[in-house]
Amino acid sequence: MKLLKTLFLVVALMSTVVMGRTVVTVNGVNIQERDLVMIIQKITRGQYPSLSEEDKKRAERIALDEAIALVLTKELVAKSDIKKSKAYKESFVEYVKKVVEPQIAYQTWIERELNKMQASDKEIKAYYDENKDKFNQPKLSHVHHILSKTEKEAKDLIALISKAKNQKAAFMKIASEKMGGPDTGASDLGQLHDKSNMAPAFKAAYMKMGANSLSKKPVKTQFGYHVIYVDTVTGGKKASFKELKPLIAKTIKGQKFDKEMKQRVNKLREKAKIQFAQ
């Protein structure tokens, strides 16, 4: 079995990254990297990184076999009449009583107490005035560029691309030829906004451009003359107070709830009998 090398680096570093890549599918059921990581941690007792290559491969094979066996066993159980048995019904009732009911009670209580919190119009407006910049989505422009040494060359490129039926395709073709080849990504500057660390003239140019647009004239910077193409534009919307009011009210209620719960828990903690294991 071949897994990504980074998968086991994650295991070694005890990362909480969710690994959702499917490794194998059994009767329509996907077995993912995270499933195998958990089994490998168990069978190697967390010692996978220190194992020899041979032992690592053996652990991987065992983990995969166990994962497949588990899927097939669950299918066998699903097709059986176990749910009709007295033992199953008793276990189900006991599980609901000990696990499901307490969890539902806890969640319902939290929601009820949270709903008791209030947020006045005055509080909401004050919160909005203090945090309005945080609510506004920055304008993000996906920017590509072609760097030319002379203004004439840049103007010629703009004229050539402007005549193309598909300006984006024409731009990308020329960019790949002039900026180091199609696989380098040198012409792709990614998502840029007004705070991006770019030359002022370059920034001013792309911030004025809309989606699927080509710069009408070369942009001069200390690096040369740029021909800019903006692929997509997202964000930039300034939400109104009216739109944000429900969200702010919810935030304020949550903050009040957290504060009150901390106080209540601290009081309970003072009275509680807490014994730490030696």
C-alpha atoms as a PDB file:
ATOM      1  CA  MET A   1       0.000   0.000   0.000  1.00  0.00           C
ATOM      2  CA  LYS A   2       1.315   3.424  -0.921  1.00  0.00           C
ATOM      3  CA  LEU A   3       0.332   6.403   1.220  1.00  0.00           C
ATOM      4  CA  LEU A   4       1.456   9.999   1.047  1.00  0.00           C
ATOM      5  CA  LYS A   5       4.729  10.534   2.868  1.00  0.00           C
ATOM      6  CA  THR A   6       3.263  13.570   4.548  1.00  0.00           C
ATOM      7  CA  LEU A   7       0.578  11.390   6.087  1.00  0.00           C
ATOM      8  CA  PHE A   8       2.996   9.778   8.484  1.00  0.00           C
ATOM      9  CA  LEU A   9       4.856  13.001   9.105  1.00  0.00           C
ATOM     10  CA  VAL A  10       1.532  14.238  10.420  1.00  0.00           C
ATOM     11  CA  VAL A  11       1.264  11.150  12.602  1.00  0.00           C
ATOM     12  CA  ALA A  12       4.722  11.814  13.993  1.00  0.00           C
ATOM     13  CA  LEU A  13       3.919  15.422  14.761  1.00  0.00           C
ATOM     14  CA  MET A  14       0.565  14.508  16.356  1.00  0.00           C
ATOM     15  CA  SER A  15      -1.154  16.974  14.048  1.00  0.00           C
ATOM     16  CA  THR A  16      -4.915  17.582  14.184  1.00  0.00           C
ATOM     17  CA  VAL A  17      -5.113  18.198  10.444  1.00  0.00           C
ATOM     18  CA  VAL A  18      -8.058  16.341   8.943  1.00  0.00           C
ATOM     19  CA  MET A  19      -6.856  13.993   6.200  1.00  0.00           C
ATOM     20  CA  GLY A  20      -9.753  13.231   3.910  1.00  0.00           C
ATOM     21  CA  ARG A  21      -8.042  11.542   0.967  1.00  0.00           C
ATOM     22  CA  THR A  22      -9.684   8.227   0.095  1.00  0.00           C
ATOM     23  CA  VAL A  23      -7.186   5.363   0.020  1.00  0.00           C
ATOM     24  CA  VAL A  24      -9.504   2.507  -0.953  1.00  0.00           C
ATOM     25  CA  THR A  25     -13.235   1.951  -1.497  1.00  0.00           C
ATOM     26  CA  VAL A  26     -14.934  -1.240  -0.289  1.00  0.00           C
ATOM     27  CA  ASN A  27     -18.439  -1.891  -1.626  1.00  0.00           C
ATOM     28  CA  GLY A  28     -18.974   1.834  -1.983  1.00  0.00           C
ATOM     29  CA  VAL A  29     -17.586   2.712   1.469  1.00  0.00           C
ATOM     30  CA  ASN A  30     -14.557   5.016   1.433  1.00  0.00           C
ATOM     31  CA  ILE A  31     -11.622   4.276   3.720  1.00  0.00           C
ATOM     32  CA  GLN A  32      -9.685   7.486   4.220  1.00  0.00           C
ATOM     33  CA  GLU A  33      -6.220   8.384   5.430  1.00  0.00           C
ATOM     34  CA  ARG A  34      -7.531   9.464   8.824  1.00  0.00           C
ATOM     35  CA  ASP A  35      -9.013   5.987   9.344  1.00  0.00           C
ATOM     36  CA  LEU A  36      -5.686   4.299   8.665  1.00  0.00           C
ATOM     37  CA  VAL A  37      -3.753   6.766  10.806  1.00  0.00           C
ATOM     38  CA  MET A  38      -5.889   5.899  13.817  1.00  0.00           C
ATOM     39  CA  ILE A  39      -5.358   2.163  13.314  1.00  0.00           C
ATOM     40  CA  ILE A  40      -1.610   2.584  12.760  1.00  0.00           C
ATOM     41  CA  GLN A  41      -1.285   4.653  15.921  1.00  0.00           C
ATOM     42  CA  LYS A  42      -3.048   1.889  17.801  1.00  0.00           C
ATOM     43  CA  ILE A  43      -1.121  -1.104  16.455  1.00  0.00           C
ATOM     44  CA  THR A  44       2.278   0.634  16.683  1.00  0.00           C
ATOM     45  CA  ARG A  45       1.457   2.297  20.026  1.00  0.00           C
ATOM     46  CA  GLY A  46       2.463   5.643  18.554  1.00  0.00           C
ATOM     47  CA  GLN A  47       5.928   4.402  17.611  1.00  0.00           C
ATOM     48  CA  TYR A  48       5.456   4.435  13.831  1.00  0.00           C
ATOM     49  CA  PRO A  49       8.072   7.167  13.077  1.00  0.00           C
ATOM     50  CA  SER A  50      10.818   5.201  14.822  1.00  0.00           C
ATOM     51  CA  LEU A  51      10.099   1.902  13.040  1.00  0.00           C
ATOM     52  CA  SER A  52      12.258   0.484  10.268  1.00  0.00           C
ATOM     53  CA  GLU A  53      10.986   0.831   6.694  1.00  0.00           C
ATOM     54  CA  GLU A  54      10.087  -2.864   6.657  1.00  0.00           C
ATOM     55  CA  ASP A  55       8.094  -2.603   9.883  1.00  0.00           C
ATOM     56  CA  LYS A  56       6.371   0.554   8.649  1.00  0.00           C
ATOM     57  CA  LYS A  57       5.184  -1.232   5.522  1.00  0.00           C
ATOM     58  CA  ARG A  58       4.013  -4.163   7.631  1.00  0.00           C
ATOM     59  CA  ALA A  59       2.049  -1.814   9.890  1.00  0.00           C
ATOM     60  CA  GLU A  60       0.490  -0.147   6.842  1.00  0.00           C
ATOM     61  CA  ARG A  61      -0.624  -3.523   5.428  1.00  0.00           C
ATOM     62  CA  ILE A  62      -2.084  -4.595   8.765  1.00  0.00           C
ATOM     63  CA  ALA A  63      -3.924  -1.270   9.129  1.00  0.00           C
ATOM     64  CA  LEU A  64      -5.399  -1.550   5.656  1.00  0.00           C
ATOM     65  CA  ASP A  65      -6.463  -5.149   6.255  1.00  0.00           C
ATOM     66  CA  GLU A  66      -8.128  -4.168   9.530  1.00  0.00           C
ATOM     67  CA  ALA A  67      -9.931  -1.243   7.914  1.00  0.00           C
ATOM     68  CA  ILE A  68     -11.274  -3.422   5.109  1.00  0.00           C
ATOM     69  CA  ALA A  69     -12.260  -6.150   7.570  1.00  0.00           C
ATOM     70  CA  LEU A  70     -14.147  -3.600   9.657  1.00  0.00           C
ATOM     71  CA  VAL A  71     -16.191  -2.428   6.664  1.00  0.00           C
ATOM     72  CA  LEU A  72     -17.036  -5.990   5.678  1.00  0.00           C
ATOM     73  CA  THR A  73     -17.899  -6.962   9.257  1.00  0.00           C
ATOM     74  CA  LYS A  74     -20.233  -3.998   9.583  1.00  0.00           C
ATOM     75  CA  GLU A  75     -21.982  -5.162   6.405  1.00  0.00           C
ATOM     76  CA  LEU A  76     -22.365  -8.604   7.946  1.00  0.00           C
ATOM     77  CA  VAL A  77     -23.840  -7.101  11.103  1.00  0.00           C
ATOM     78  CA  ALA A  78     -26.239  -4.904   9.126  1.00  0.00           C
ATOM     79  CA  LYS A  79     -27.616  -7.939   7.299  1.00  0.00           C
ATOM     80  CA  SER A  80     -28.075  -9.952  10.495  1.00  0.00           C
ATOM     81  CA  ASP A  81     -31.093  -9.996  12.816  1.00  0.00           C
ATOM     82  CA  ILE A  82     -29.081  -8.725  15.815  1.00  0.00           C
ATOM     83  CA  LYS A  83     -31.345  -5.690  16.254  1.00  0.00           C
ATOM     84  CA  LYS A  84     -34.226  -8.008  17.074  1.00  0.00           C
ATOM     85  CA  SER A  85     -32.369  -9.625  19.945  1.00  0.00           C
ATOM     86  CA  LYS A  86     -33.038  -8.844  23.598  1.00  0.00           C
ATOM     87  CA  ALA A  87     -29.350  -8.148  24.236  1.00  0.00           C
ATOM     88  CA  TYR A  88     -29.249  -5.508  21.507  1.00  0.00           C
ATOM     89  CA  LYS A  89     -32.409  -3.787  22.708  1.00  0.00           C
ATOM     90  CA  GLU A  90     -31.143  -3.681  26.279  1.00  0.00           C
ATOM     91  CA  SER A  91     -27.754  -2.333  25.181  1.00  0.00           C
ATOM     92  CA  PHE A  92     -29.422   0.261  22.982  1.00  0.00           C
ATOM     93  CA  VAL A  93     -31.625   1.520  25.809  1.00  0.00           C
ATOM     94  CA  GLU A  94     -28.649   1.644  28.188  1.00  0.00           C
ATOM     95  CA  TYR A  95     -26.525   3.558  25.655  1.00  0.00           C
ATOM     96  CA  VAL A  96     -29.272   6.093  25.028  1.00  0.00           C
ATOM     97  CA  LYS A  97     -29.740   6.553  28.758  1.00  0.00           C
ATOM     98  CA  LYS A  98     -26.042   6.980  29.573  1.00  0.00           C
ATOM     99  CA  VAL A  99     -24.732   8.743  26.445  1.00  0.00           C
ATOM    100  CA  VAL A 100     -27.417  10.181  24.181  1.00  0.00           C
ATOM    101  CA  GLU A 101     -29.829  11.584  26.769  1.00  0.00           C
ATOM    102  CA  PRO A 102     -27.149  13.432  28.817  1.00  0.00           C
ATOM    103  CA  GLN A 103     -25.725  14.957  25.656  1.00  0.00           C
ATOM    104  CA  ILE A 104     -29.140  16.090  24.410  1.00  0.00           C
ATOM    105  CA  ALA A 105     -29.953  17.476  27.858  1.00  0.00           C
ATOM    106  CA  TYR A 106     -26.652  19.368  27.928  1.00  0.00           C
ATOM    107  CA  GLN A 107     -27.129  20.871  24.455  1.00  0.00           C
ATOM    108  CA  THR A 108     -30.749  21.809  25.149  1.00  0.00           C
ATOM    109  CA  TRP A 109     -29.805  23.452  28.452  1.00  0.00           C
ATOM    110  CA  ILE A 110     -27.008  25.438  26.804  1.00  0.00           C
ATOM    111  CA  GLU A 111     -29.372  26.678  24.094  1.00  0.00           C
ATOM    112  CA  ARG A 112     -32.023  27.649  26.651  1.00  0.00           C
ATOM    113  CA  GLU A 113     -29.566  29.580  28.820  1.00  0.00           C
ATOM    114  CA  LEU A 114     -28.027  31.239  25.782  1.00  0.00           C
ATOM    115  CA  ASN A 115     -31.448  32.370  24.588  1.00  0.00           C
ATOM    116  CA  LYS A 116     -31.955  34.134  27.915  1.00  0.00           C
ATOM    117  CA  MET A 117     -29.191  36.582  27.043  1.00  0.00           C
ATOM    118  CA  GLN A 118     -30.241  39.953  25.638  1.00  0.00           C
ATOM    119  CA  ALA A 119     -28.534  42.457  23.360  1.00  0.00           C
ATOM    120  CA  SER A 120     -29.930  45.982  23.312  1.00  0.00           C
ATOM    121  CA  ASP A 121     -29.963  48.182  20.222  1.00  0.00           C
ATOM    122  CA  LYS A 122     -27.492  50.467  21.985  1.00  0.00           C
ATOM    123  CA  GLU A 123     -25.062  47.600  22.592  1.00  0.00           C
ATOM    124  CA  ILE A 124     -25.408  46.360  19.025  1.00  0.00           C
ATOM    125  CA  LYS A 125     -24.753  49.804  17.547  1.00  0.00           C
ATOM    126  CA  ALA A 126     -21.733  50.342  19.810  1.00  0.00           C
ATOM    127  CA  TYR A 127     -20.281  46.975  18.799  1.00  0.00           C
ATOM    128  CA  TYR A 128     -20.831  47.796  15.130  1.00  0.00           C
ATOM    129  CA  ASP A 129     -19.128  51.196  15.428  1.00  0.00           C
ATOM    130  CA  GLU A 130     -16.106  49.624  17.156  1.00  0.00           C
ATOM    131  CA  ASN A 131     -15.747  46.694  14.756  1.00  0.00           C
ATOM    132  CA  LYS A 132     -17.223  47.790  11.415  1.00  0.00           C
ATOM    133  CA  ASP A 133     -13.925  47.329   9.561  1.00  0.00           C
ATOM    134  CA  LYS A 134     -13.780  43.690  10.638  1.00  0.00           C
ATOM    135  CA  PHE A 135     -17.131  42.949   9.025  1.00  0.00           C
ATOM    136  CA  ASN A 136     -16.235  44.305   5.595  1.00  0.00           C
ATOM    137  CA  GLN A 137     -14.819  41.759   3.184  1.00  0.00           C
ATOM    138  CA  PRO A 138     -11.611  42.953   1.503  1.00  0.00           C
ATOM    139  CA  LYS A 139     -11.626  43.159  -2.261  1.00  0.00           C
ATOM    140  CA  LEU A 140      -9.507  40.323  -3.622  1.00  0.00           C
ATOM    141  CA  SER A 141      -8.264  40.409  -7.198  1.00  0.00           C
ATOM    142  CA  HIS A 142      -6.636  37.382  -8.830  1.00  0.00           C
ATOM    143  CA  VAL A 143      -3.816  39.115 -10.693  1.00  0.00           C
ATOM    144  CA  HIS A 144      -1.549  37.945 -13.502  1.00  0.00           C
ATOM    145  CA  HIS A 145       1.130  40.037 -15.166  1.00  0.00           C
ATOM    146  CA  ILE A 146       3.671  40.077 -17.968  1.00  0.00           C
ATOM    147  CA  LEU A 147       6.832  42.053 -17.276  1.00  0.00           C
ATOM    148  CA  SER A 148       8.451  43.849 -20.226  1.00  0.00           C
ATOM    149  CA  LYS A 149      11.699  45.757 -20.366  1.00  0.00           C
ATOM    150  CA  THR A 150      10.359  48.560 -22.562  1.00  0.00           C
ATOM    151  CA  GLU A 151       7.122  50.508 -22.725  1.00  0.00           C
ATOM    152  CA  LYS A 152       6.844  49.857 -26.473  1.00  0.00           C
ATOM    153  CA  GLU A 153       6.999  46.115 -26.001  1.00  0.00           C
ATOM    154  CA  ALA A 154       4.305  46.284 -23.302  1.00  0.00           C
ATOM    155  CA  LYS A 155       2.057  48.436 -25.517  1.00  0.00           C
ATOM    156  CA  ASP A 156       2.493  46.007 -28.413  1.00  0.00           C
ATOM    157  CA  LEU A 157       1.492  43.109 -26.166  1.00  0.00           C
ATOM    158  CA  ILE A 158      -1.626  44.937 -24.970  1.00  0.00           C
ATOM    159  CA  ALA A 159      -2.604  45.679 -28.579  1.00  0.00           C
ATOM    160  CA  LEU A 160      -2.043  42.051 -29.572  1.00  0.00           C
ATOM    161  CA  ILE A 161      -3.996  40.576 -26.648  1.00  0.00           C
ATOM    162  CA  SER A 162      -6.833  43.104 -27.075  1.00  0.00           C
ATOM    163  CA  LYS A 163      -7.498  41.801 -30.593  1.00  0.00           C
ATOM    164  CA  ALA A 164      -7.861  38.184 -29.472  1.00  0.00           C
ATOM    165  CA  LYS A 165     -11.320  36.636 -29.211  1.00  0.00           C
ATOM    166  CA  ASN A 166     -10.287  35.061 -25.907  1.00  0.00           C
ATOM    167  CA  GLN A 167      -8.122  37.648 -24.179  1.00  0.00           C
ATOM    168  CA  LYS A 168      -7.437  35.471 -21.157  1.00  0.00           C
ATOM    169  CA  ALA A 169      -6.175  32.573 -23.275  1.00  0.00           C
ATOM    170  CA  ALA A 170      -4.036  34.920 -25.347  1.00  0.00           C
ATOM    171  CA  PHE A 171      -2.600  36.571 -22.229  1.00  0.00           C
ATOM    172  CA  MET A 172      -1.808  33.242 -20.576  1.00  0.00           C
ATOM    173  CA  LYS A 173      -0.087  31.934 -23.701  1.00  0.00           C
ATOM    174  CA  ILE A 174       2.157  34.980 -23.967  1.00  0.00           C
ATOM    175  CA  ALA A 175       2.748  35.009 -20.207  1.00  0.00           C
ATOM    176  CA  SER A 176       3.902  31.391 -20.233  1.00  0.00           C
ATOM    177  CA  GLU A 177       6.353  32.188 -23.032  1.00  0.00           C
ATOM    178  CA  LYS A 178       7.775  35.334 -21.468  1.00  0.00           C
ATOM    179  CA  MET A 179       7.620  34.534 -17.755  1.00  0.00           C
ATOM    180  CA  GLY A 180       9.555  31.266 -17.609  1.00  0.00           C
ATOM    181  CA  GLY A 181       7.328  28.580 -19.075  1.00  0.00           C
ATOM    182  CA  PRO A 182       3.774  27.297 -18.481  1.00  0.00           C
ATOM    183  CA  ASP A 183       4.582  25.400 -15.288  1.00  0.00           C
ATOM    184  CA  THR A 184       6.469  28.062 -13.346  1.00  0.00           C
ATOM    185  CA  GLY A 185       3.452  30.167 -12.371  1.00  0.00           C
ATOM    186  CA  ALA A 186       5.709  33.231 -12.513  1.00  0.00           C
ATOM    187  CA  SER A 187       2.991  35.342 -14.106  1.00  0.00           C
ATOM    188  CA  ASP A 188       0.405  34.432 -11.450  1.00  0.00           C
ATOM    189  CA  LEU A 189       0.571  36.756  -8.448  1.00  0.00           C
ATOM    190  CA  GLY A 190      -2.421  35.136  -6.743  1.00  0.00           C
ATOM    191  CA  GLN A 191      -5.120  36.916  -4.730  1.00  0.00           C
ATOM    192  CA  LEU A 192      -4.110  40.510  -4.017  1.00  0.00           C
ATOM    193  CA  HIS A 193      -5.867  43.251  -2.039  1.00  0.00           C
ATOM    194  CA  ASP A 194      -5.233  46.854  -1.097  1.00  0.00           C
ATOM    195  CA  LYS A 195      -2.867  45.856   1.726  1.00  0.00           C
ATOM    196  CA  SER A 196      -0.722  43.534  -0.421  1.00  0.00           C
ATOM    197  CA  ASN A 197       2.960  44.422  -0.503  1.00  0.00           C
ATOM    198  CA  MET A 198       3.125  45.566  -4.121  1.00  0.00           C
ATOM    199  CA  ALA A 199       4.531  48.606  -5.919  1.00  0.00           C
ATOM    200  CA  PRO A 200       2.106  51.541  -5.446  1.00  0.00           C
ATOM    201  CA  ALA A 201       1.520  52.072  -9.183  1.00  0.00           C
ATOM    202  CA  PHE A 202       0.941  48.365  -9.733  1.00  0.00           C
ATOM    203  CA  LYS A 203      -1.469  48.185  -6.793  1.00  0.00           C
ATOM    204  CA  ALA A 204      -3.401  51.239  -7.927  1.00  0.00           C
ATOM    205  CA  ALA A 205      -3.827  49.697 -11.376  1.00  0.00           C
ATOM    206  CA  TYR A 206      -5.215  46.302 -10.409  1.00  0.00           C
ATOM    207  CA  MET A 207      -7.450  47.740  -7.683  1.00  0.00           C
ATOM    208  CA  LYS A 208      -9.320  49.714 -10.389  1.00  0.00           C
ATOM    209  CA  MET A 209      -9.741  46.718 -12.700  1.00  0.00           C
ATOM    210  CA  GLY A 210     -12.756  44.438 -12.806  1.00  0.00           C
ATOM    211  CA  ALA A 211     -12.908  40.695 -13.388  1.00  0.00           C
ATOM    212  CA  ASN A 212     -11.699  39.333 -16.749  1.00  0.00           C
ATOM    213  CA  SER A 213     -10.036  42.602 -17.695  1.00  0.00           C
ATOM    214  CA  LEU A 214      -6.765  43.610 -19.331  1.00  0.00           C
ATOM    215  CA  SER A 215      -4.856  46.760 -18.424  1.00  0.00           C
ATOM    216  CA  LYS A 216      -5.372  49.424 -21.088  1.00  0.00           C
ATOM    217  CA  LYS A 217      -1.837  50.729 -20.790  1.00  0.00           C
ATOM    218  CA  PRO A 218       1.474  49.518 -19.347  1.00  0.00           C
ATOM    219  CA  VAL A 219       2.106  50.054 -15.642  1.00  0.00           C
ATOM    220  CA  LYS A 220       5.610  51.293 -14.860  1.00  0.00           C
ATOM    221  CA  THR A 221       7.396  50.192 -11.670  1.00  0.00           C
ATOM    222  CA  GLN A 222      11.036  49.879 -10.651  1.00  0.00           C
ATOM    223  CA  PHE A 223      11.017  46.413 -12.240  1.00  0.00           C
ATOM    224  CA  GLY A 224       9.915  47.480 -15.718  1.00  0.00           C
ATOM    225  CA  TYR A 225       6.617  47.742 -17.578  1.00  0.00           C
ATOM    226  CA  HIS A 226       3.742  45.475 -16.588  1.00  0.00           C
ATOM    227  CA  VAL A 227       0.799  44.205 -18.614  1.00  0.00           C
ATOM    228  CA  ILE A 228      -1.855  43.191 -16.097  1.00  0.00           C
ATOM    229  CA  TYR A 229      -4.740  40.764 -16.409  1.00  0.00           C
ATOM    230  CA  VAL A 230      -7.267  40.415 -13.576  1.00  0.00           C
ATOM    231  CA  ASP A 231      -8.936  37.018 -13.628  1.00  0.00           C
ATOM    232  CA  THR A 232     -11.499  37.194 -10.822  1.00  0.00           C
ATOM    233  CA  VAL A 233     -12.601  39.768  -8.266  1.00  0.00           C
ATOM    234  CA  THR A 234     -14.280  38.795  -5.007  1.00  0.00           C
ATOM    235  CA  GLY A 235     -15.269  40.573  -1.819  1.00  0.00           C
ATOM    236  CA  GLY A 236     -15.151  44.313  -1.490  1.00  0.00           C
ATOM    237  CA  LYS A 237     -18.711  44.420  -0.228  1.00  0.00           C
ATOM    238  CA  LYS A 238     -19.424  46.680   2.722  1.00  0.00           C
ATOM    239  CA  ALA A 239     -22.218  45.172   4.789  1.00  0.00           C
ATOM    240  CA  SER A 240     -24.766  47.592   6.209  1.00  0.00           C
ATOM    241  CA  PHE A 241     -25.652  47.883   9.881  1.00  0.00           C
ATOM    242  CA  LYS A 242     -29.083  46.427   9.113  1.00  0.00           C
ATOM    243  CA  GLU A 243     -27.529  43.342   7.500  1.00  0.00           C
ATOM    244  CA  LEU A 244     -25.094  42.836  10.355  1.00  0.00           C
ATOM    245  CA  LYS A 245     -27.463  43.493  13.230  1.00  0.00           C
ATOM    246  CA  PRO A 246     -28.620  39.836  13.722  1.00  0.00           C
ATOM    247  CA  LEU A 247     -25.013  38.583  13.625  1.00  0.00           C
ATOM    248  CA  ILE A 248     -23.829  41.221  16.091  1.00  0.00           C
ATOM    249  CA  ALA A 249     -26.720  40.484  18.442  1.00  0.00           C
ATOM    250  CA  LYS A 250     -25.782  36.804  18.391  1.00  0.00           C
ATOM    251  CA  THR A 251     -22.137  37.658  19.072  1.00  0.00           C
ATOM    252  CA  ILE A 252     -22.989  39.883  22.037  1.00  0.00           C
ATOM    253  CA  LYS A 253     -25.323  37.253  23.501  1.00  0.00           C
ATOM    254  CA  GLY A 254     -22.575  34.676  23.152  1.00  0.00           C
ATOM    255  CA  GLN A 255     -20.071  36.899  24.926  1.00  0.00           C
ATOM    256  CA  LYS A 256     -22.491  37.548  27.778  1.00  0.00           C
ATOM    257  CA  PHE A 257     -23.265  33.856  28.044  1.00  0.00           C
ATOM    258  CA  ASP A 258     -19.570  32.925  28.173  1.00  0.00           C
ATOM    259  CA  LYS A 259     -18.949  35.515  30.901  1.00  0.00           C
ATOM    260  CA  GLU A 260     -21.901  34.366  32.986  1.00  0.00           C
ATOM    261  CA  MET A 261     -21.011  30.682  32.596  1.00  0.00           C
ATOM    262  CA  LYS A 262     -17.443  31.360  33.703  1.00  0.00           C
ATOM    263  CA  GLN A 263     -18.728  33.055  36.849  1.00  0.00           C
ATOM    264  CA  ARG A 264     -21.204  30.253  37.576  1.00  0.00           C
ATOM    265  CA  VAL A 265     -18.607  27.538  37.044  1.00  0.00           C
ATOM    266  CA  ASN A 266     -16.112  29.340  39.288  1.00  0.00           C
ATOM    267  CA  LYS A 267     -18.687  29.450  42.096  1.00  0.00           C
ATOM    268  CA  LEU A 268     -19.488  25.768  41.626  1.00  0.00           C
ATOM    269  CA  ARG A 269     -15.783  24.947  41.579  1.00  0.00           C
ATOM    270  CA  GLU A 270     -15.324  26.621  44.976  1.00  0.00           C
ATOM    271  CA  LYS A 271     -17.920  24.307  46.499  1.00  0.00           C
ATOM    272  CA  ALA A 272     -17.027  21.184  44.546  1.00  0.00           C
ATOM    273  CA  LYS A 273     -14.942  18.347  45.937  1.00  0.00           C
ATOM    274  CA  ILE A 274     -12.122  18.020  43.424  1.00  0.00           C
ATOM    275  CA  GLN A 275      -9.412  15.418  43.902  1.00  0.00           C
ATOM    276  CA  PHE A 276      -6.483  15.178  41.534  1.00  0.00           C
ATOM    277  CA  ALA A 277      -4.882  11.796  40.901  1.00  0.00           C
ATOM    278  CA  GLN A 278      -1.510  11.324  42.568  1.00  0.00           C
END
